[in-house]
């Protein structure tokens, strides 16, 4: 089941978004549940758990949608998708801070909402994938979307995640094949980076949102930039 939240202070917009969501899920034949809040304060006071997609109006009362998104991330909902609904494009750059790459401009268009929701659903199912690795005779289950990057020295592989590191013996080709995700890119013969965690790209270096730096080879620099911009572009 997909669980969604609408946080919008205009009643007619609430109803329109709800109507569009119901149409999308009717066509997909997927179970879903919609929770509706009329303000950021109401959502925070009655904070729901296990939400897959938040649809947030940016321009709301005392606590706007951007600040609400920051609160959502503070509460640990890092894998939830956030879709901002706004009549302004000024917030797009600020949205990277809360890992919200999706925007729908008012007046809301059904096709735009459908595209973003389907992408979110596809990512949810992709995010459920994991690697099972054997580290010092201990089997660890690593959720793929929590991997920031992977590096290799000879056959010593270090898997960097948002919560720690894992060291195993393997080849990068095998790991890359097992992950099998368009979000990951081999930016260097010794590095495989999760583009979702890339904040910016400078000359021959990917800067992650935790400020770590991942090398990019000279020969893969252009392709890495293109992959990064395509990922962002598909979410705008």
C-alpha atoms as a PDB file:
ATOM      1  CA  UNK A   1       0.000   0.000   0.000  1.00  0.00           C
ATOM      2  CA  UNK A   2       1.175   3.518  -0.838  1.00  0.00           C
ATOM      3  CA  UNK A   3       0.523   6.091   1.905  1.00  0.00           C
ATOM      4  CA  UNK A   4       0.261   9.750   0.853  1.00  0.00           C
ATOM      5  CA  UNK A   5      -0.116  13.048   2.676  1.00  0.00           C
ATOM      6  CA  UNK A   6      -1.616  16.218   1.214  1.00  0.00           C
ATOM      7  CA  UNK A   7      -0.796  19.395   3.160  1.00  0.00           C
ATOM      8  CA  UNK A   8      -2.597  22.303   1.520  1.00  0.00           C
ATOM      9  CA  UNK A   9      -4.449  25.216   3.130  1.00  0.00           C
ATOM     10  CA  UNK A  10      -6.874  25.851   0.257  1.00  0.00           C
ATOM     11  CA  UNK A  11      -9.888  23.534   0.327  1.00  0.00           C
ATOM     12  CA  UNK A  12     -10.481  23.580  -3.436  1.00  0.00           C
ATOM     13  CA  UNK A  13      -6.826  22.663  -4.039  1.00  0.00           C
ATOM     14  CA  UNK A  14      -7.093  19.836  -1.484  1.00  0.00           C
ATOM     15  CA  UNK A  15     -10.069  18.412  -3.338  1.00  0.00           C
ATOM     16  CA  UNK A  16      -8.426  18.766  -6.746  1.00  0.00           C
ATOM     17  CA  UNK A  17      -5.207  17.020  -5.642  1.00  0.00           C
ATOM     18  CA  UNK A  18      -7.196  14.250  -3.966  1.00  0.00           C
ATOM     19  CA  UNK A  19      -9.305  13.785  -7.101  1.00  0.00           C
ATOM     20  CA  UNK A  20      -6.194  13.541  -9.305  1.00  0.00           C
ATOM     21  CA  UNK A  21      -4.490  11.078  -6.948  1.00  0.00           C
ATOM     22  CA  UNK A  22      -7.560   8.853  -6.905  1.00  0.00           C
ATOM     23  CA  UNK A  23      -7.581   8.832 -10.705  1.00  0.00           C
ATOM     24  CA  UNK A  24      -3.874   7.911 -10.877  1.00  0.00           C
ATOM     25  CA  UNK A  25      -4.235   5.000  -8.470  1.00  0.00           C
ATOM     26  CA  UNK A  26      -7.451   3.809 -10.085  1.00  0.00           C
ATOM     27  CA  UNK A  27      -5.564   3.484 -13.367  1.00  0.00           C
ATOM     28  CA  UNK A  28      -2.619   1.769 -11.672  1.00  0.00           C
ATOM     29  CA  UNK A  29      -4.802  -0.577  -9.617  1.00  0.00           C
ATOM     30  CA  UNK A  30      -2.597  -0.107  -6.529  1.00  0.00           C
ATOM     31  CA  UNK A  31      -3.837   0.144  -2.946  1.00  0.00           C
ATOM     32  CA  UNK A  32      -3.354   3.555  -1.369  1.00  0.00           C
ATOM     33  CA  UNK A  33      -4.367   5.762   1.543  1.00  0.00           C
ATOM     34  CA  UNK A  34      -4.567   9.583   1.535  1.00  0.00           C
ATOM     35  CA  UNK A  35      -4.243  11.737   4.670  1.00  0.00           C
ATOM     36  CA  UNK A  36      -5.171  15.425   4.356  1.00  0.00           C
ATOM     37  CA  UNK A  37      -3.935  18.321   6.517  1.00  0.00           C
ATOM     38  CA  UNK A  38      -4.832  22.006   6.200  1.00  0.00           C
ATOM     39  CA  UNK A  39      -1.662  23.410   7.762  1.00  0.00           C
ATOM     40  CA  UNK A  40       1.889  22.486   8.678  1.00  0.00           C
ATOM     41  CA  UNK A  41       1.010  22.876  12.338  1.00  0.00           C
ATOM     42  CA  UNK A  42      -1.832  20.360  12.030  1.00  0.00           C
ATOM     43  CA  UNK A  43       0.447  17.832  10.320  1.00  0.00           C
ATOM     44  CA  UNK A  44       3.205  18.225  12.923  1.00  0.00           C
ATOM     45  CA  UNK A  45       0.736  17.878  15.807  1.00  0.00           C
ATOM     46  CA  UNK A  46      -0.717  14.695  14.293  1.00  0.00           C
ATOM     47  CA  UNK A  47       2.439  13.404  12.653  1.00  0.00           C
ATOM     48  CA  UNK A  48       1.738  10.301  10.545  1.00  0.00           C
ATOM     49  CA  UNK A  49       4.145   7.382  10.271  1.00  0.00           C
ATOM     50  CA  UNK A  50       5.340   5.401   7.263  1.00  0.00           C
ATOM     51  CA  UNK A  51       4.393   7.965   4.624  1.00  0.00           C
ATOM     52  CA  UNK A  52       5.665   7.271   1.129  1.00  0.00           C
ATOM     53  CA  UNK A  53       4.811  10.609  -0.518  1.00  0.00           C
ATOM     54  CA  UNK A  54       4.260  14.076   0.983  1.00  0.00           C
ATOM     55  CA  UNK A  55       2.574  16.645  -1.293  1.00  0.00           C
ATOM     56  CA  UNK A  56       3.236  20.013   0.330  1.00  0.00           C
ATOM     57  CA  UNK A  57       2.006  23.462  -0.581  1.00  0.00           C
ATOM     58  CA  UNK A  58       4.950  25.821  -0.032  1.00  0.00           C
ATOM     59  CA  UNK A  59       3.002  28.988   0.775  1.00  0.00           C
ATOM     60  CA  UNK A  60       1.164  28.210   4.004  1.00  0.00           C
ATOM     61  CA  UNK A  61       0.608  30.171   7.231  1.00  0.00           C
ATOM     62  CA  UNK A  62       3.255  30.493   9.939  1.00  0.00           C
ATOM     63  CA  UNK A  63       5.143  27.334   8.971  1.00  0.00           C
ATOM     64  CA  UNK A  64       5.559  27.153   5.210  1.00  0.00           C
ATOM     65  CA  UNK A  65       5.997  23.986   3.190  1.00  0.00           C
ATOM     66  CA  UNK A  66       9.790  24.325   2.996  1.00  0.00           C
ATOM     67  CA  UNK A  67      10.121  24.509   6.788  1.00  0.00           C
ATOM     68  CA  UNK A  68       7.691  21.619   7.069  1.00  0.00           C
ATOM     69  CA  UNK A  69       9.914  19.576   4.755  1.00  0.00           C
ATOM     70  CA  UNK A  70      12.884  20.322   7.023  1.00  0.00           C
ATOM     71  CA  UNK A  71      10.855  19.027   9.972  1.00  0.00           C
ATOM     72  CA  UNK A  72       9.981  15.866   8.033  1.00  0.00           C
ATOM     73  CA  UNK A  73      13.677  15.214   7.364  1.00  0.00           C
ATOM     74  CA  UNK A  74      14.568  15.926  11.011  1.00  0.00           C
ATOM     75  CA  UNK A  75      12.105  13.251  12.076  1.00  0.00           C
ATOM     76  CA  UNK A  76      14.065  10.703  10.062  1.00  0.00           C
ATOM     77  CA  UNK A  77      11.769  10.323   7.048  1.00  0.00           C
ATOM     78  CA  UNK A  78      14.707  10.351   4.645  1.00  0.00           C
ATOM     79  CA  UNK A  79      13.233   7.868   2.189  1.00  0.00           C
ATOM     80  CA  UNK A  80       9.847   9.605   1.883  1.00  0.00           C
ATOM     81  CA  UNK A  81       9.353  11.478  -1.375  1.00  0.00           C
ATOM     82  CA  UNK A  82       8.448  15.155  -1.112  1.00  0.00           C
ATOM     83  CA  UNK A  83       6.547  16.891  -3.905  1.00  0.00           C
ATOM     84  CA  UNK A  84       6.223  20.655  -3.554  1.00  0.00           C
ATOM     85  CA  UNK A  85       3.154  22.362  -4.970  1.00  0.00           C
ATOM     86  CA  UNK A  86       3.717  26.054  -5.602  1.00  0.00           C
ATOM     87  CA  UNK A  87       2.995  29.008  -7.841  1.00  0.00           C
ATOM     88  CA  UNK A  88       6.620  30.164  -7.511  1.00  0.00           C
ATOM     89  CA  UNK A  89       9.833  28.656  -8.874  1.00  0.00           C
ATOM     90  CA  UNK A  90      12.049  30.594  -6.462  1.00  0.00           C
ATOM     91  CA  UNK A  91      12.212  27.704  -3.992  1.00  0.00           C
ATOM     92  CA  UNK A  92      13.685  25.068  -6.315  1.00  0.00           C
ATOM     93  CA  UNK A  93      17.321  25.567  -5.305  1.00  0.00           C
ATOM     94  CA  UNK A  94      16.356  25.644  -1.620  1.00  0.00           C
ATOM     95  CA  UNK A  95      14.506  22.358  -2.099  1.00  0.00           C
ATOM     96  CA  UNK A  96      17.766  20.454  -2.678  1.00  0.00           C
ATOM     97  CA  UNK A  97      18.526  20.963   1.019  1.00  0.00           C
ATOM     98  CA  UNK A  98      15.566  18.776   2.004  1.00  0.00           C
ATOM     99  CA  UNK A  99      16.075  16.289  -0.846  1.00  0.00           C
ATOM    100  CA  UNK A 100      12.890  17.419  -2.585  1.00  0.00           C
ATOM    101  CA  UNK A 101      13.568  17.446  -6.300  1.00  0.00           C
ATOM    102  CA  UNK A 102       9.935  17.374  -7.433  1.00  0.00           C
ATOM    103  CA  UNK A 103       7.804  20.445  -8.055  1.00  0.00           C
ATOM    104  CA  UNK A 104       4.316  20.902  -9.450  1.00  0.00           C
ATOM    105  CA  UNK A 105       3.392  24.431 -10.445  1.00  0.00           C
ATOM    106  CA  UNK A 106      -0.067  25.839  -9.920  1.00  0.00           C
ATOM    107  CA  UNK A 107      -2.507  25.665 -11.609  1.00  0.00           C
ATOM    108  CA  UNK A 108      -2.074  21.931 -11.111  1.00  0.00           C
ATOM    109  CA  UNK A 109      -2.061  19.793 -14.236  1.00  0.00           C
ATOM    110  CA  UNK A 110      -3.188  16.154 -13.992  1.00  0.00           C
ATOM    111  CA  UNK A 111      -0.450  14.887 -16.325  1.00  0.00           C
ATOM    112  CA  UNK A 112       2.266  16.532 -14.215  1.00  0.00           C
ATOM    113  CA  UNK A 113       0.932  15.017 -11.011  1.00  0.00           C
ATOM    114  CA  UNK A 114       0.556  11.613 -12.637  1.00  0.00           C
ATOM    115  CA  UNK A 115       4.163  11.670 -13.930  1.00  0.00           C
ATOM    116  CA  UNK A 116       5.618  12.551 -10.540  1.00  0.00           C
ATOM    117  CA  UNK A 117       3.500  10.068  -8.621  1.00  0.00           C
ATOM    118  CA  UNK A 118       4.393   7.198 -10.942  1.00  0.00           C
ATOM    119  CA  UNK A 119       8.080   8.069 -10.618  1.00  0.00           C
ATOM    120  CA  UNK A 120       7.721   8.132  -6.821  1.00  0.00           C
ATOM    121  CA  UNK A 121       6.019   4.739  -6.810  1.00  0.00           C
ATOM    122  CA  UNK A 122       8.709   3.244  -9.033  1.00  0.00           C
ATOM    123  CA  UNK A 123      11.375   4.622  -6.706  1.00  0.00           C
ATOM    124  CA  UNK A 124       9.628   3.193  -3.657  1.00  0.00           C
ATOM    125  CA  UNK A 125       9.766  -0.303  -5.116  1.00  0.00           C
ATOM    126  CA  UNK A 126      13.381   0.255  -6.147  1.00  0.00           C
ATOM    127  CA  UNK A 127      14.194   1.482  -2.641  1.00  0.00           C
ATOM    128  CA  UNK A 128      12.984  -1.815  -1.199  1.00  0.00           C
ATOM    129  CA  UNK A 129      15.910  -3.589  -2.903  1.00  0.00           C
ATOM    130  CA  UNK A 130      18.888  -4.597  -0.798  1.00  0.00           C
ATOM    131  CA  UNK A 131      22.305  -6.228  -0.901  1.00  0.00           C
ATOM    132  CA  UNK A 132      23.113  -9.213   1.295  1.00  0.00           C
ATOM    133  CA  UNK A 133      26.828  -9.134   2.057  1.00  0.00           C
ATOM    134  CA  UNK A 134      29.128 -11.308   4.119  1.00  0.00           C
ATOM    135  CA  UNK A 135      31.447  -9.233   6.293  1.00  0.00           C
ATOM    136  CA  UNK A 136      33.715 -11.272   8.600  1.00  0.00           C
ATOM    137  CA  UNK A 137      31.233 -14.168   8.578  1.00  0.00           C
ATOM    138  CA  UNK A 138      28.365 -11.846   9.481  1.00  0.00           C
ATOM    139  CA  UNK A 139      25.558 -11.488   6.934  1.00  0.00           C
ATOM    140  CA  UNK A 140      24.435  -7.879   6.609  1.00  0.00           C
ATOM    141  CA  UNK A 141      21.363  -6.681   4.749  1.00  0.00           C
ATOM    142  CA  UNK A 142      22.050  -3.246   3.226  1.00  0.00           C
ATOM    143  CA  UNK A 143      19.207  -1.253   1.715  1.00  0.00           C
ATOM    144  CA  UNK A 144      20.473  -0.064  -1.654  1.00  0.00           C
ATOM    145  CA  UNK A 145      19.010   3.440  -1.409  1.00  0.00           C
ATOM    146  CA  UNK A 146      21.079   4.005   1.768  1.00  0.00           C
ATOM    147  CA  UNK A 147      24.358   3.437  -0.081  1.00  0.00           C
ATOM    148  CA  UNK A 148      26.088   6.743  -0.868  1.00  0.00           C
ATOM    149  CA  UNK A 149      29.048   5.364  -2.812  1.00  0.00           C
ATOM    150  CA  UNK A 150      31.262   2.323  -3.205  1.00  0.00           C
ATOM    151  CA  UNK A 151      35.017   2.251  -3.671  1.00  0.00           C
ATOM    152  CA  UNK A 152      37.454  -0.531  -4.501  1.00  0.00           C
ATOM    153  CA  UNK A 153      41.172  -1.091  -4.009  1.00  0.00           C
ATOM    154  CA  UNK A 154      42.269  -4.301  -5.703  1.00  0.00           C
ATOM    155  CA  UNK A 155      39.487  -6.645  -4.481  1.00  0.00           C
ATOM    156  CA  UNK A 156      38.850  -4.804  -1.222  1.00  0.00           C
ATOM    157  CA  UNK A 157      35.476  -3.090  -1.521  1.00  0.00           C
ATOM    158  CA  UNK A 158      34.199  -0.467   0.927  1.00  0.00           C
ATOM    159  CA  UNK A 159      30.467   0.198   0.830  1.00  0.00           C
ATOM    160  CA  UNK A 160      29.681   3.641   2.268  1.00  0.00           C
ATOM    161  CA  UNK A 161      26.139   4.110   3.605  1.00  0.00           C
ATOM    162  CA  UNK A 162      24.357   6.883   5.495  1.00  0.00           C
ATOM    163  CA  UNK A 163      24.895   4.910   8.720  1.00  0.00           C
ATOM    164  CA  UNK A 164      28.366   3.415   8.304  1.00  0.00           C
ATOM    165  CA  UNK A 165      30.844   1.432   6.212  1.00  0.00           C
ATOM    166  CA  UNK A 166      31.082  -2.225   5.226  1.00  0.00           C
ATOM    167  CA  UNK A 167      34.212  -3.936   3.915  1.00  0.00           C
ATOM    168  CA  UNK A 168      34.007  -7.019   1.727  1.00  0.00           C
ATOM    169  CA  UNK A 169      35.954  -8.939  -0.908  1.00  0.00           C
ATOM    170  CA  UNK A 170      34.375  -8.728  -4.344  1.00  0.00           C
ATOM    171  CA  UNK A 171      34.661  -7.049  -7.731  1.00  0.00           C
ATOM    172  CA  UNK A 172      33.089  -3.737  -8.664  1.00  0.00           C
ATOM    173  CA  UNK A 173      31.535  -5.269 -11.781  1.00  0.00           C
ATOM    174  CA  UNK A 174      29.645  -7.832  -9.693  1.00  0.00           C
ATOM    175  CA  UNK A 175      28.454  -5.268  -7.156  1.00  0.00           C
ATOM    176  CA  UNK A 176      27.327  -2.877  -9.885  1.00  0.00           C
ATOM    177  CA  UNK A 177      25.412  -5.649 -11.623  1.00  0.00           C
ATOM    178  CA  UNK A 178      23.749  -6.716  -8.375  1.00  0.00           C
ATOM    179  CA  UNK A 179      22.662  -3.148  -7.533  1.00  0.00           C
ATOM    180  CA  UNK A 180      21.299  -2.640 -11.051  1.00  0.00           C
ATOM    181  CA  UNK A 181      19.998   0.883 -10.486  1.00  0.00           C
ATOM    182  CA  UNK A 182      19.977   3.910 -12.784  1.00  0.00           C
ATOM    183  CA  UNK A 183      20.735   6.096  -9.737  1.00  0.00           C
ATOM    184  CA  UNK A 184      24.224   4.638  -9.504  1.00  0.00           C
ATOM    185  CA  UNK A 185      26.984   5.592 -11.904  1.00  0.00           C
ATOM    186  CA  UNK A 186      30.542   4.351 -12.310  1.00  0.00           C
ATOM    187  CA  UNK A 187      32.153   7.802 -12.237  1.00  0.00           C
ATOM    188  CA  UNK A 188      35.641   6.318 -11.901  1.00  0.00           C
ATOM    189  CA  UNK A 189      37.018   2.833 -12.413  1.00  0.00           C
ATOM    190  CA  UNK A 190      37.349   2.578  -8.611  1.00  0.00           C
ATOM    191  CA  UNK A 191      34.175   4.437  -7.561  1.00  0.00           C
ATOM    192  CA  UNK A 192      30.447   3.831  -7.979  1.00  0.00           C
ATOM    193  CA  UNK A 193      28.374   6.784  -6.740  1.00  0.00           C
ATOM    194  CA  UNK A 194      24.702   7.065  -5.847  1.00  0.00           C
ATOM    195  CA  UNK A 195      23.685  10.231  -7.710  1.00  0.00           C
ATOM    196  CA  UNK A 196      20.782  10.792  -5.301  1.00  0.00           C
ATOM    197  CA  UNK A 197      23.345  11.870  -2.687  1.00  0.00           C
ATOM    198  CA  UNK A 198      25.314  14.159  -4.988  1.00  0.00           C
ATOM    199  CA  UNK A 199      24.849  17.805  -4.052  1.00  0.00           C
ATOM    200  CA  UNK A 200      27.105  19.290  -6.710  1.00  0.00           C
ATOM    201  CA  UNK A 201      29.798  18.442  -9.235  1.00  0.00           C
ATOM    202  CA  UNK A 202      33.016  20.371  -9.650  1.00  0.00           C
ATOM    203  CA  UNK A 203      36.101  19.625 -11.729  1.00  0.00           C
ATOM    204  CA  UNK A 204      36.662  15.860 -11.463  1.00  0.00           C
ATOM    205  CA  UNK A 205      34.869  15.591  -8.103  1.00  0.00           C
ATOM    206  CA  UNK A 206      31.320  14.791  -6.930  1.00  0.00           C
ATOM    207  CA  UNK A 207      30.395  16.559  -3.684  1.00  0.00           C
ATOM    208  CA  UNK A 208      27.908  14.563  -1.616  1.00  0.00           C
ATOM    209  CA  UNK A 209      25.331  16.140   0.666  1.00  0.00           C
ATOM    210  CA  UNK A 210      27.409  15.020   3.688  1.00  0.00           C
ATOM    211  CA  UNK A 211      30.343  16.962   2.122  1.00  0.00           C
ATOM    212  CA  UNK A 212      32.329  13.835   1.250  1.00  0.00           C
ATOM    213  CA  UNK A 213      34.114  13.983  -2.094  1.00  0.00           C
ATOM    214  CA  UNK A 214      34.066  11.186  -4.675  1.00  0.00           C
ATOM    215  CA  UNK A 215      36.614  11.318  -7.522  1.00  0.00           C
ATOM    216  CA  UNK A 216      35.429  11.463 -11.128  1.00  0.00           C
ATOM    217  CA  UNK A 217      37.823  10.350 -13.834  1.00  0.00           C
ATOM    218  CA  UNK A 218      38.674  12.757 -16.636  1.00  0.00           C
ATOM    219  CA  UNK A 219      37.161  10.369 -19.202  1.00  0.00           C
ATOM    220  CA  UNK A 220      33.858   9.970 -17.320  1.00  0.00           C
ATOM    221  CA  UNK A 221      33.417  13.571 -16.203  1.00  0.00           C
ATOM    222  CA  UNK A 222      31.002  14.651 -18.947  1.00  0.00           C
ATOM    223  CA  UNK A 223      28.895  11.480 -18.681  1.00  0.00           C
ATOM    224  CA  UNK A 224      28.720  11.845 -14.888  1.00  0.00           C
ATOM    225  CA  UNK A 225      27.483  15.431 -15.216  1.00  0.00           C
ATOM    226  CA  UNK A 226      24.931  14.382 -17.827  1.00  0.00           C
ATOM    227  CA  UNK A 227      23.630  11.545 -15.631  1.00  0.00           C
ATOM    228  CA  UNK A 228      23.383  13.899 -12.651  1.00  0.00           C
ATOM    229  CA  UNK A 229      21.486  16.590 -14.570  1.00  0.00           C
ATOM    230  CA  UNK A 230      19.187  13.994 -16.141  1.00  0.00           C
ATOM    231  CA  UNK A 231      18.291  12.649 -12.706  1.00  0.00           C
ATOM    232  CA  UNK A 232      17.404  16.127 -11.463  1.00  0.00           C
ATOM    233  CA  UNK A 233      15.622  17.012 -14.695  1.00  0.00           C
ATOM    234  CA  UNK A 234      13.371  13.966 -14.486  1.00  0.00           C
ATOM    235  CA  UNK A 235      12.165  15.158 -11.081  1.00  0.00           C
ATOM    236  CA  UNK A 236      11.416  18.763 -11.932  1.00  0.00           C
END
